[in-house]
Amino acid sequence: MSPVSRGRKSKKKPKGATPRTKSVYGEVLRDFVPLVSETDPLQVELHTSDLVGSWWLPGVSDEPERSVGLDLIRYAAGKATPAALALLRALAVLGATEAQREQARAGAERLAARGLAEPVWAGALEDVTFTEAWHLADVYEEEATLLLVFAHAGRPHGLIVDLDLPNGPVSLLYLTDNPDAALDSMRDEAEESDGIQVLERIPAPRARRFVESGLALAEVLPPPDRDGDFAATRALALARCRILPPPEPAPEPREYTEAERTALVDEFFAAGEIGDGETARSCARLIVRYGCDEDLGRPLRMSPDKAMVMLHDWLAEELPLDAPELPAMREALPAWTRWAARRSDLPEAAVEELVEEIGELVQDYPEDLIEARNFPLDSYLDGDESGETIERRRFAVPFEAVTLAGDDVDPADPADRRRAVIAEHPEFGDEPDERARLFLTVKEVLVNQLWTDDPPEAWDAAQRLLDTGKDRDEVLHELALVLAGHLAGKDHDLDAYKTELRQLG
């Protein structure tokens, strides 16, 4: 699937922080000069979407996206040039917010009323029709790929969207100028998968729900892909969604009563996949409880990712490390997986693949979990023997981050803490762009504050947020939003920062 060329690139565009100088906005307008006579409206959209994407900084603050666009629109509205009118016409369709689109539309109308020549594509920019949407997903409900096909002034193109399921964020986003080839590739993948991948045509309201909800989740996560197409294509994807019918509501998770949960456990043991016994039944009850309460009411769904999170995150919190259920999971979880997959009518190839992968996950369980939890404490203590210090520093730099960064990483070393922060975000690649570097910088400052407990209000706020049920990533995101707002100013007001931290949670 070949992505569409994004056309002419701006020589200099605002990224991350809000640009305030007229010279930057002048550069943007100069980049629009050749686009006034561009004959392909899709290239204009791609260029504009790339521009809007350069303001987008997920996981830190929405201030650049809100303010930069409005500042640029006001600047362009005051310039009586064809390039200014072209920029405003494009932002009236692709602006990041309704306020931006409305102001761009109003500014364009004022310039047009002064007799400025319209760009050749002005009448065609909104001439977009939706054709069809296809959904390719694995039967484990782990991942899905969407293909939304549109025609722009008669020219077909497709929006490719990869999703983490269920109800997960968009993980990859780009355009293809050959949607027929993309669909053929999806068909081939489904046909060659022995039933593990299922391709189906879906209605436009469902496609819109998938894309908009996935993009909304990506607002609070780092840019998911490594090649930059996500940020560059996001505004165009949202504009395409706006021409579709309203999204259908997301299905409500099924609620299981205690009697229904017990009945599932009884049915499992009646199938004879595993010998009955107190510990085995306790394992089955835990698996059912996790599926009902943590996996959107889906105790029969099994996948490698679900098993990994259940074993290494959820069970590690629910049970002590010497609980008999942990080693018993080596037999119980593959047995439950085989029974649940067949009861869910998964194809036999999917059943065998799933059982094999989950069997590998539990092969060294719980020894690998115990090893992780018993990671040497010296680097986390620095002579301070308090349990609170260990808890705080392991939150700031968890064992998993140290492992990702390398065996020789010492979290007590600030340089190694930075390595651990970077290792947690492989999606940025070896050469992160300016948005990614800003995100990593904010997170590094926050991690150092938590490590040193300076200011202590940061850890106090983190504990309050954890008590509300938020996970580590969600807590760090909320703390980073506060920190980024203060780092963006010329003068860092520590008292104001502490006050805002005290208000969290």
Protein backbone atom coordinates (compact mmCIF):
# COMPACT_ATOMS: atom_id res chain seq x y z
CA MET A 1 0.00 0.00 0.00
CA SER A 2 1.80 3.04 -1.17
CA PRO A 3 1.09 6.25 0.74
CA VAL A 4 0.13 9.34 -1.20
CA SER A 5 2.86 11.93 -1.54
CA ARG A 6 2.24 14.81 0.83
CA GLY A 7 3.29 17.31 -1.81
CA ARG A 8 5.37 20.38 -1.09
CA LYS A 9 6.89 20.53 2.37
CA SER A 10 7.11 23.73 4.34
CA LYS A 11 10.66 24.92 4.80
CA LYS A 12 9.92 26.11 8.27
CA LYS A 13 6.84 25.39 10.33
CA PRO A 14 5.90 25.77 13.97
CA LYS A 15 6.42 22.60 15.96
CA GLY A 16 5.36 22.06 19.53
CA ALA A 17 5.77 25.48 21.12
CA THR A 18 3.58 28.33 19.94
CA PRO A 19 5.38 30.50 17.36
CA ARG A 20 4.84 34.21 17.98
CA THR A 21 6.95 35.86 15.33
CA LYS A 22 5.56 37.19 12.09
CA SER A 23 8.48 35.70 10.21
CA VAL A 24 7.30 32.15 10.94
CA TYR A 25 3.78 32.90 9.75
CA GLY A 26 5.26 34.61 6.71
CA GLU A 27 7.15 31.41 5.91
CA VAL A 28 3.88 29.46 6.11
CA LEU A 29 2.19 31.87 3.70
CA ARG A 30 5.12 31.76 1.29
CA ASP A 31 4.85 27.97 1.23
CA PHE A 32 1.24 28.41 0.11
CA VAL A 33 2.13 30.57 -2.89
CA PRO A 34 2.67 27.62 -5.29
CA LEU A 35 -0.41 25.89 -3.88
CA VAL A 36 -2.66 28.68 -5.16
CA SER A 37 -2.38 27.18 -8.66
CA GLU A 38 -2.18 23.52 -7.58
CA THR A 39 -4.58 21.49 -9.72
CA ASP A 40 -4.91 18.55 -7.32
CA PRO A 41 -7.02 19.50 -4.26
CA LEU A 42 -5.86 16.38 -2.41
CA GLN A 43 -2.27 17.65 -2.47
CA VAL A 44 -3.48 20.92 -0.95
CA GLU A 45 -5.25 18.97 1.80
CA LEU A 46 -2.19 16.84 2.51
CA HIS A 47 0.05 19.91 2.75
CA THR A 48 -2.43 21.63 5.09
CA SER A 49 -2.93 18.53 7.20
CA ASP A 50 0.85 18.25 7.56
CA LEU A 51 0.95 21.88 8.69
CA VAL A 52 -1.80 21.33 11.27
CA GLY A 53 -0.05 18.18 12.44
CA SER A 54 3.09 20.16 13.20
CA TRP A 55 1.21 21.92 16.01
CA TRP A 56 -0.11 18.72 17.54
CA LEU A 57 1.67 17.51 20.69
CA PRO A 58 -0.22 14.63 22.33
CA GLY A 59 0.46 13.74 25.92
CA VAL A 60 1.67 17.21 26.89
CA SER A 61 -0.74 20.01 26.08
CA ASP A 62 -3.35 21.03 23.53
CA GLU A 63 -2.26 24.68 23.78
CA PRO A 64 -0.15 24.69 20.59
CA GLU A 65 -2.94 23.16 18.52
CA ARG A 66 -5.54 25.61 19.83
CA SER A 67 -3.52 28.80 19.87
CA VAL A 68 -1.13 28.44 16.93
CA GLY A 69 -3.92 27.85 14.46
CA LEU A 70 -5.95 30.82 15.62
CA ASP A 71 -2.90 33.08 15.62
CA LEU A 72 -2.01 32.02 12.08
CA ILE A 73 -5.60 32.50 10.89
CA ARG A 74 -5.69 36.03 12.31
CA TYR A 75 -2.35 36.77 10.67
CA ALA A 76 -3.49 35.45 7.27
CA ALA A 77 -6.81 37.28 7.46
CA GLY A 78 -4.87 40.53 7.64
CA LYS A 79 -2.88 39.81 4.47
CA ALA A 80 -4.64 40.64 1.21
CA THR A 81 -2.79 38.07 -0.89
CA PRO A 82 -3.89 35.01 -2.89
CA ALA A 83 -1.71 32.81 -0.66
CA ALA A 84 -3.49 34.10 2.46
CA LEU A 85 -6.87 33.38 0.90
CA ALA A 86 -5.68 29.89 -0.11
CA LEU A 87 -4.48 29.13 3.42
CA LEU A 88 -7.77 30.29 4.92
CA ARG A 89 -9.81 28.23 2.44
CA ALA A 90 -7.77 25.14 3.34
CA LEU A 91 -8.02 25.72 7.10
CA ALA A 92 -11.77 26.24 6.80
CA VAL A 93 -11.92 22.54 5.93
CA LEU A 94 -8.94 21.14 7.85
CA GLY A 95 -8.64 23.35 10.93
CA ALA A 96 -8.08 21.40 14.14
CA THR A 97 -11.07 22.90 15.95
CA GLU A 98 -14.49 24.22 15.01
CA ALA A 99 -13.39 27.69 16.13
CA GLN A 100 -10.44 27.56 13.73
CA ARG A 101 -12.60 26.41 10.84
CA GLU A 102 -15.21 29.10 11.48
CA GLN A 103 -12.64 31.90 11.79
CA ALA A 104 -10.79 30.70 8.68
CA ARG A 105 -14.06 30.59 6.72
CA ALA A 106 -15.02 34.10 7.86
CA GLY A 107 -11.55 35.48 7.07
CA ALA A 108 -11.61 33.89 3.62
CA GLU A 109 -14.98 35.43 2.84
CA ARG A 110 -13.70 38.88 3.81
CA LEU A 111 -10.64 38.53 1.56
CA ALA A 112 -12.74 37.20 -1.31
CA ALA A 113 -15.09 40.16 -0.95
CA ARG A 114 -12.10 42.43 -1.57
CA GLY A 115 -11.72 40.93 -5.03
CA LEU A 116 -8.83 38.52 -4.42
CA ALA A 117 -8.63 35.67 -6.89
CA GLU A 118 -9.69 32.31 -5.48
CA PRO A 119 -7.28 29.35 -5.69
CA VAL A 120 -8.14 27.06 -8.58
CA TRP A 121 -9.15 24.28 -6.19
CA ALA A 122 -11.42 26.38 -3.92
CA GLY A 123 -14.65 24.97 -5.33
CA ALA A 124 -13.39 21.38 -5.26
CA LEU A 125 -11.93 21.25 -1.77
CA GLU A 126 -15.17 20.03 -0.20
CA ASP A 127 -16.16 17.90 -3.19
CA VAL A 128 -15.51 14.64 -1.34
CA THR A 129 -17.74 11.58 -1.39
CA PHE A 130 -17.55 8.44 0.74
CA THR A 131 -17.54 5.14 -1.15
CA GLU A 132 -17.10 2.25 1.28
CA ALA A 133 -15.33 1.05 4.43
CA TRP A 134 -13.63 -2.27 5.11
CA HIS A 135 -12.56 -3.80 8.41
CA LEU A 136 -9.85 -6.48 8.74
CA ALA A 137 -9.43 -7.87 12.25
CA ASP A 138 -8.00 -10.93 13.96
CA VAL A 139 -10.39 -13.23 15.78
CA TYR A 140 -8.53 -12.56 19.03
CA GLU A 141 -9.80 -8.96 18.87
CA GLU A 142 -6.27 -7.62 19.30
CA GLU A 143 -5.79 -5.48 16.21
CA ALA A 144 -7.73 -4.21 13.23
CA THR A 145 -7.07 -2.38 9.99
CA LEU A 146 -9.64 -0.07 8.43
CA LEU A 147 -9.79 1.06 4.83
CA LEU A 148 -12.08 4.02 4.19
CA VAL A 149 -12.45 4.79 0.50
CA PHE A 150 -13.29 8.28 -0.74
CA ALA A 151 -13.39 10.13 -4.03
CA HIS A 152 -12.11 13.70 -4.22
CA ALA A 153 -13.33 15.53 -7.33
CA GLY A 154 -13.62 12.09 -8.91
CA ARG A 155 -10.18 10.87 -7.76
CA PRO A 156 -10.31 7.80 -5.49
CA HIS A 157 -8.08 7.49 -2.46
CA GLY A 158 -8.12 5.49 0.74
CA LEU A 159 -7.52 6.21 4.40
CA ILE A 160 -5.65 3.37 6.12
CA VAL A 161 -6.15 3.18 9.89
CA ASP A 162 -4.62 0.57 12.20
CA LEU A 163 -6.31 0.16 15.57
CA ASP A 164 -5.37 -1.53 18.82
CA LEU A 165 -8.46 -3.34 20.04
CA PRO A 166 -10.77 -3.29 21.85
CA ASN A 167 -11.72 0.37 21.61
CA GLY A 168 -8.05 1.22 21.42
CA PRO A 169 -6.08 4.09 19.98
CA VAL A 170 -5.11 4.50 16.36
CA SER A 171 -1.61 3.06 15.99
CA LEU A 172 -0.96 3.86 12.32
CA LEU A 173 -2.53 6.34 9.90
CA TYR A 174 -1.79 7.19 6.28
CA LEU A 175 -3.34 7.74 2.85
CA THR A 176 -3.06 5.55 -0.22
CA ASP A 177 -3.75 6.64 -3.78
CA ASN A 178 -4.61 3.05 -4.75
CA PRO A 179 -7.46 1.85 -2.52
CA ASP A 180 -8.19 -1.08 -4.85
CA ALA A 181 -4.69 -2.45 -4.30
CA ALA A 182 -5.04 -1.87 -0.57
CA LEU A 183 -8.28 -3.83 -0.49
CA ASP A 184 -6.74 -6.64 -2.55
CA SER A 185 -3.92 -6.84 -0.02
CA MET A 186 -6.41 -7.07 2.85
CA ARG A 187 -8.32 -9.82 1.02
CA ASP A 188 -5.11 -11.76 0.47
CA GLU A 189 -4.19 -11.44 4.15
CA ALA A 190 -7.60 -12.74 5.20
CA GLU A 191 -7.55 -15.64 2.73
CA GLU A 192 -4.05 -16.74 3.78
CA SER A 193 -4.73 -16.62 7.52
CA ASP A 194 -6.68 -19.88 7.96
CA GLY A 195 -9.58 -17.89 9.34
CA ILE A 196 -7.53 -15.94 11.89
CA GLN A 197 -8.08 -12.68 10.00
CA VAL A 198 -11.64 -11.72 9.02
CA LEU A 199 -12.44 -9.07 6.40
CA GLU A 200 -15.86 -7.46 6.29
CA ARG A 201 -17.49 -4.38 4.85
CA ILE A 202 -18.83 -2.10 7.58
CA PRO A 203 -21.29 0.82 7.56
CA ALA A 204 -20.03 4.39 7.58
CA PRO A 205 -21.30 5.21 11.12
CA ARG A 206 -19.27 2.31 12.54
CA ALA A 207 -16.18 3.29 10.58
CA ARG A 208 -16.49 6.84 11.89
CA ARG A 209 -16.79 5.58 15.47
CA PHE A 210 -13.67 3.47 15.11
CA VAL A 211 -11.59 6.29 13.64
CA GLU A 212 -12.80 9.15 15.85
CA SER A 213 -12.62 7.18 19.09
CA GLY A 214 -9.18 5.85 18.15
CA LEU A 215 -7.91 9.33 17.35
CA ALA A 216 -9.41 10.70 20.57
CA LEU A 217 -7.45 8.11 22.56
CA ALA A 218 -4.33 9.06 20.65
CA GLU A 219 -4.77 12.61 22.00
CA VAL A 220 -3.43 11.42 25.36
CA LEU A 221 -0.70 9.16 23.97
CA PRO A 222 2.58 9.85 22.21
CA PRO A 223 2.48 9.79 18.38
CA PRO A 224 2.02 6.08 17.69
CA ASP A 225 4.02 5.63 14.49
CA ARG A 226 7.65 6.29 13.70
CA ASP A 227 7.49 7.79 10.23
CA GLY A 228 5.51 10.92 11.00
CA ASP A 229 2.50 10.07 8.84
CA PHE A 230 0.21 9.95 11.87
CA ALA A 231 0.51 13.63 12.82
CA ALA A 232 0.67 14.69 9.17
CA THR A 233 -2.52 12.82 8.22
CA ARG A 234 -4.58 13.31 11.39
CA ALA A 235 -6.34 16.55 10.41
CA LEU A 236 -7.27 15.11 7.01
CA ALA A 237 -8.62 11.93 8.65
CA LEU A 238 -10.80 13.99 10.99
CA ALA A 239 -12.05 16.08 8.06
CA ARG A 240 -13.01 12.91 6.21
CA CYS A 241 -14.89 11.67 9.27
CA ARG A 242 -16.92 14.88 9.34
CA ILE A 243 -18.48 14.08 5.97
CA LEU A 244 -19.72 10.70 7.22
CA PRO A 245 -23.02 10.11 9.04
CA PRO A 246 -22.90 10.50 12.84
CA PRO A 247 -20.97 7.70 14.55
CA GLU A 248 -22.89 4.80 15.97
CA PRO A 249 -22.73 4.46 19.77
CA ALA A 250 -20.13 2.12 21.18
CA PRO A 251 -21.56 -1.16 22.51
CA GLU A 252 -21.95 -1.36 26.26
CA PRO A 253 -19.85 -4.04 28.01
CA ARG A 254 -21.87 -7.02 29.19
CA GLU A 255 -22.35 -7.27 32.93
CA TYR A 256 -21.92 -10.77 34.40
CA THR A 257 -23.65 -11.72 37.64
CA GLU A 258 -21.85 -13.82 40.22
CA ALA A 259 -24.08 -16.75 39.27
CA GLU A 260 -23.09 -16.40 35.61
CA ARG A 261 -19.42 -16.27 36.53
CA THR A 262 -19.73 -19.41 38.63
CA ALA A 263 -21.57 -21.14 35.80
CA LEU A 264 -18.69 -20.41 33.43
CA VAL A 265 -16.19 -21.91 35.86
CA ASP A 266 -18.38 -25.01 36.30
CA GLU A 267 -18.75 -25.37 32.52
CA PHE A 268 -14.97 -25.15 32.08
CA PHE A 269 -14.26 -27.95 34.54
CA ALA A 270 -17.10 -30.07 33.15
CA ALA A 271 -15.29 -29.98 29.78
CA GLY A 272 -12.37 -31.90 31.32
CA GLU A 273 -9.59 -29.61 30.01
CA ILE A 274 -7.94 -29.65 33.44
CA GLY A 275 -8.30 -31.57 36.69
CA ASP A 276 -10.67 -30.07 39.25
CA GLY A 277 -9.29 -28.83 42.53
CA GLU A 278 -9.30 -25.86 44.88
CA THR A 279 -6.29 -24.10 43.37
CA ALA A 280 -7.35 -24.79 39.80
CA ARG A 281 -10.84 -23.42 40.53
CA SER A 282 -9.32 -20.34 42.12
CA CYS A 283 -7.29 -19.80 38.91
CA ALA A 284 -10.42 -20.14 36.77
CA ARG A 285 -12.33 -17.69 38.97
CA LEU A 286 -9.49 -15.19 38.63
CA ILE A 287 -9.46 -15.56 34.83
CA VAL A 288 -13.23 -15.04 34.67
CA ARG A 289 -13.07 -12.06 37.03
CA TYR A 290 -10.34 -10.42 34.97
CA GLY A 291 -12.29 -10.90 31.74
CA CYS A 292 -15.52 -9.57 33.22
CA ASP A 293 -14.11 -6.61 35.14
CA GLU A 294 -11.00 -5.59 33.20
CA ASP A 295 -11.69 -6.71 29.61
CA LEU A 296 -15.06 -5.08 28.89
CA GLY A 297 -17.12 -8.04 30.03
CA ARG A 298 -15.40 -10.64 27.82
CA PRO A 299 -14.23 -13.58 29.96
CA LEU A 300 -14.07 -15.92 26.94
CA ARG A 301 -11.82 -13.67 24.85
CA MET A 302 -8.20 -14.68 25.06
CA SER A 303 -5.15 -13.17 23.38
CA PRO A 304 -1.42 -12.98 24.06
CA ASP A 305 -1.59 -9.31 25.05
CA LYS A 306 -4.50 -9.89 27.40
CA ALA A 307 -2.70 -12.82 29.02
CA MET A 308 0.49 -10.81 29.45
CA VAL A 309 -1.26 -7.92 31.18
CA MET A 310 -3.28 -10.25 33.39
CA LEU A 311 -0.25 -12.27 34.47
CA HIS A 312 2.31 -9.54 34.98
CA ASP A 313 0.23 -6.54 36.01
CA TRP A 314 -3.15 -7.53 37.38
CA LEU A 315 -2.32 -10.81 39.13
CA ALA A 316 0.88 -9.32 40.52
CA GLU A 317 -1.26 -6.75 42.31
CA GLU A 318 -4.04 -9.15 43.31
CA LEU A 319 -1.93 -11.95 44.79
CA PRO A 320 1.23 -12.27 46.89
CA LEU A 321 4.21 -13.71 45.06
CA ASP A 322 3.97 -16.97 47.03
CA ALA A 323 0.29 -17.56 46.19
CA PRO A 324 -0.29 -21.11 44.88
CA GLU A 325 -2.40 -19.77 42.00
CA LEU A 326 0.62 -18.19 40.30
CA PRO A 327 2.51 -21.42 39.43
CA ALA A 328 -0.85 -23.13 38.84
CA MET A 329 -1.50 -20.67 36.00
CA ARG A 330 1.09 -22.55 33.93
CA GLU A 331 -1.52 -25.26 33.44
CA ALA A 332 -4.76 -23.38 34.06
CA LEU A 333 -4.36 -20.52 31.61
CA PRO A 334 -3.54 -22.60 28.47
CA ALA A 335 -6.37 -24.99 29.39
CA TRP A 336 -8.85 -22.11 29.79
CA THR A 337 -7.58 -20.60 26.54
CA ARG A 338 -8.19 -23.83 24.59
CA TRP A 339 -11.67 -24.28 26.06
CA ALA A 340 -12.73 -20.62 25.73
CA ALA A 341 -11.43 -20.33 22.15
CA ARG A 342 -13.34 -23.42 21.02
CA ARG A 343 -16.46 -22.36 22.90
CA SER A 344 -16.21 -19.04 21.04
CA ASP A 345 -16.09 -20.99 17.74
CA LEU A 346 -12.64 -19.74 16.76
CA PRO A 347 -11.15 -21.63 13.81
CA GLU A 348 -8.90 -24.49 14.83
CA ALA A 349 -5.79 -22.76 13.44
CA ALA A 350 -6.52 -19.79 15.70
CA VAL A 351 -7.07 -22.08 18.70
CA GLU A 352 -3.76 -23.86 18.26
CA GLU A 353 -1.81 -20.66 17.60
CA LEU A 354 -3.32 -19.00 20.65
CA VAL A 355 -2.70 -21.94 22.98
CA GLU A 356 0.90 -22.18 21.77
CA GLU A 357 1.61 -18.48 22.34
CA ILE A 358 0.03 -18.39 25.78
CA GLY A 359 1.81 -21.61 26.70
CA GLU A 360 5.09 -19.85 25.95
CA LEU A 361 4.04 -16.89 28.10
CA VAL A 362 3.46 -19.05 31.18
CA GLN A 363 6.46 -21.33 30.64
CA ASP A 364 8.64 -19.43 33.14
CA TYR A 365 5.80 -18.03 35.23
CA PRO A 366 5.90 -16.90 38.02
CA GLU A 367 9.70 -17.05 38.18
CA ASP A 368 10.02 -14.21 35.66
CA LEU A 369 7.53 -12.15 37.66
CA ILE A 370 9.39 -12.81 40.90
CA GLU A 371 12.70 -11.86 39.27
CA ALA A 372 11.21 -8.58 38.12
CA ARG A 373 9.78 -7.81 41.54
CA ASN A 374 13.08 -8.68 43.24
CA PHE A 375 15.16 -6.33 41.11
CA PRO A 376 18.13 -5.16 43.23
CA LEU A 377 17.13 -2.25 45.42
CA ASP A 378 20.49 -0.57 45.93
CA SER A 379 20.03 1.83 43.03
CA TYR A 380 16.61 2.83 44.34
CA LEU A 381 17.72 3.57 47.89
CA ASP A 382 20.89 5.70 47.99
CA GLY A 383 21.14 5.00 51.71
CA ASP A 384 17.48 5.74 52.37
CA GLU A 385 15.83 2.57 53.62
CA SER A 386 12.23 3.78 53.55
CA GLY A 387 9.65 1.76 51.66
CA GLU A 388 8.07 5.00 50.46
CA THR A 389 11.28 5.88 48.63
CA ILE A 390 11.31 2.52 46.84
CA GLU A 391 7.67 2.88 45.87
CA ARG A 392 8.14 6.42 44.55
CA ARG A 393 11.30 5.67 42.61
CA ARG A 394 9.96 2.45 41.14
CA PHE A 395 6.97 4.45 39.94
CA ALA A 396 9.27 7.02 38.36
CA VAL A 397 11.61 4.45 36.79
CA PRO A 398 9.97 1.00 36.87
CA PHE A 399 11.87 -2.21 36.42
CA GLU A 400 10.40 -2.63 32.94
CA ALA A 401 11.88 0.68 31.79
CA VAL A 402 15.30 -0.25 33.17
CA THR A 403 15.13 -3.60 31.40
CA LEU A 404 14.22 -1.96 28.11
CA ALA A 405 17.10 0.48 28.43
CA GLY A 406 19.76 -2.21 28.94
CA ASP A 407 21.42 -4.37 31.55
CA ASP A 408 23.97 -1.73 32.54
CA VAL A 409 21.40 0.96 33.37
CA ASP A 410 21.58 2.43 36.87
CA PRO A 411 18.38 4.39 37.63
CA ALA A 412 20.26 6.41 40.24
CA ASP A 413 22.25 7.99 37.40
CA PRO A 414 20.33 10.90 35.79
CA ALA A 415 21.78 10.05 32.38
CA ASP A 416 20.55 6.46 32.72
CA ARG A 417 17.15 7.69 33.84
CA ARG A 418 16.95 9.55 30.55
CA ARG A 419 17.86 6.33 28.74
CA ALA A 420 15.02 4.59 30.57
CA VAL A 421 12.55 7.33 29.59
CA ILE A 422 13.56 7.05 25.94
CA ALA A 423 13.42 3.23 26.05
CA GLU A 424 9.78 3.38 27.11
CA HIS A 425 8.92 5.05 23.79
CA PRO A 426 10.32 3.00 20.89
CA GLU A 427 7.59 4.50 18.70
CA PHE A 428 9.73 7.64 18.35
CA GLY A 429 12.51 5.72 16.61
CA ASP A 430 16.22 6.56 16.68
CA GLU A 431 15.75 10.15 15.54
CA PRO A 432 12.69 11.63 17.28
CA ASP A 433 11.29 14.79 15.75
CA GLU A 434 10.87 18.04 17.65
CA ARG A 435 7.45 17.12 19.04
CA ALA A 436 8.78 13.83 20.34
CA ARG A 437 11.87 15.46 21.83
CA LEU A 438 9.70 17.94 23.70
CA PHE A 439 7.52 15.13 25.03
CA LEU A 440 10.59 13.18 26.22
CA THR A 441 12.09 16.27 27.82
CA VAL A 442 8.93 16.98 29.83
CA LYS A 443 8.72 13.35 30.93
CA GLU A 444 12.40 13.30 31.88
CA VAL A 445 12.00 16.41 34.06
CA LEU A 446 8.95 14.86 35.71
CA VAL A 447 10.72 11.53 36.33
CA ASN A 448 13.64 13.37 37.93
CA GLN A 449 11.27 15.33 40.16
CA LEU A 450 9.64 12.11 41.30
CA TRP A 451 13.00 10.41 41.84
CA THR A 452 14.37 13.21 44.01
CA ASP A 453 10.97 14.01 45.57
CA ASP A 454 11.47 17.65 44.64
CA PRO A 455 8.92 19.06 44.74
CA PRO A 456 7.18 16.54 47.03
CA GLU A 457 3.83 17.77 45.70
CA ALA A 458 4.47 15.80 42.50
CA TRP A 459 4.52 12.43 44.29
CA ASP A 460 1.62 13.45 46.54
CA ALA A 461 -0.42 14.25 43.43
CA ALA A 462 0.64 10.97 41.80
CA GLN A 463 -0.57 8.98 44.81
CA ARG A 464 -3.93 10.75 44.82
CA LEU A 465 -4.38 10.04 41.12
CA LEU A 466 -3.39 6.39 41.59
CA ASP A 467 -6.00 6.12 44.34
CA THR A 468 -8.67 7.14 41.81
CA GLY A 469 -7.88 4.05 39.74
CA LYS A 470 -5.65 5.64 37.11
CA ASP A 471 -2.65 3.66 35.88
CA ARG A 472 0.94 4.91 35.70
CA ASP A 473 0.68 6.23 32.14
CA GLU A 474 -2.50 8.14 32.95
CA VAL A 475 -0.97 9.62 36.09
CA LEU A 476 2.20 10.70 34.30
CA HIS A 477 0.08 12.26 31.57
CA GLU A 478 -1.85 14.43 34.05
CA LEU A 479 1.32 15.45 35.86
CA ALA A 480 3.02 16.24 32.54
CA LEU A 481 0.16 18.49 31.48
CA VAL A 482 0.73 20.61 34.56
CA LEU A 483 4.51 20.60 34.22
CA ALA A 484 4.50 21.44 30.51
CA GLY A 485 2.36 24.49 31.12
CA HIS A 486 4.95 25.85 33.51
CA LEU A 487 7.99 24.89 31.45
CA ALA A 488 6.52 26.72 28.45
CA GLY A 489 6.72 30.09 30.22
CA LYS A 490 9.81 32.26 30.38
CA ASP A 491 9.73 32.36 34.19
CA HIS A 492 9.08 29.11 36.05
CA ASP A 493 6.88 29.94 39.06
CA LEU A 494 7.61 27.07 41.46
CA ASP A 495 4.91 28.12 43.93
CA ALA A 496 2.28 28.23 41.21
CA TYR A 497 3.43 24.81 39.97
CA LYS A 498 3.12 23.34 43.48
CA THR A 499 -0.32 24.88 43.89
CA GLU A 500 -1.55 23.35 40.67
CA LEU A 501 -0.13 19.95 41.67
CA ARG A 502 -1.99 20.14 44.99
CA GLN A 503 -5.22 20.60 43.06
CA LEU A 504 -4.82 17.33 41.11
CA GLY A 505 -6.74 14.27 42.16
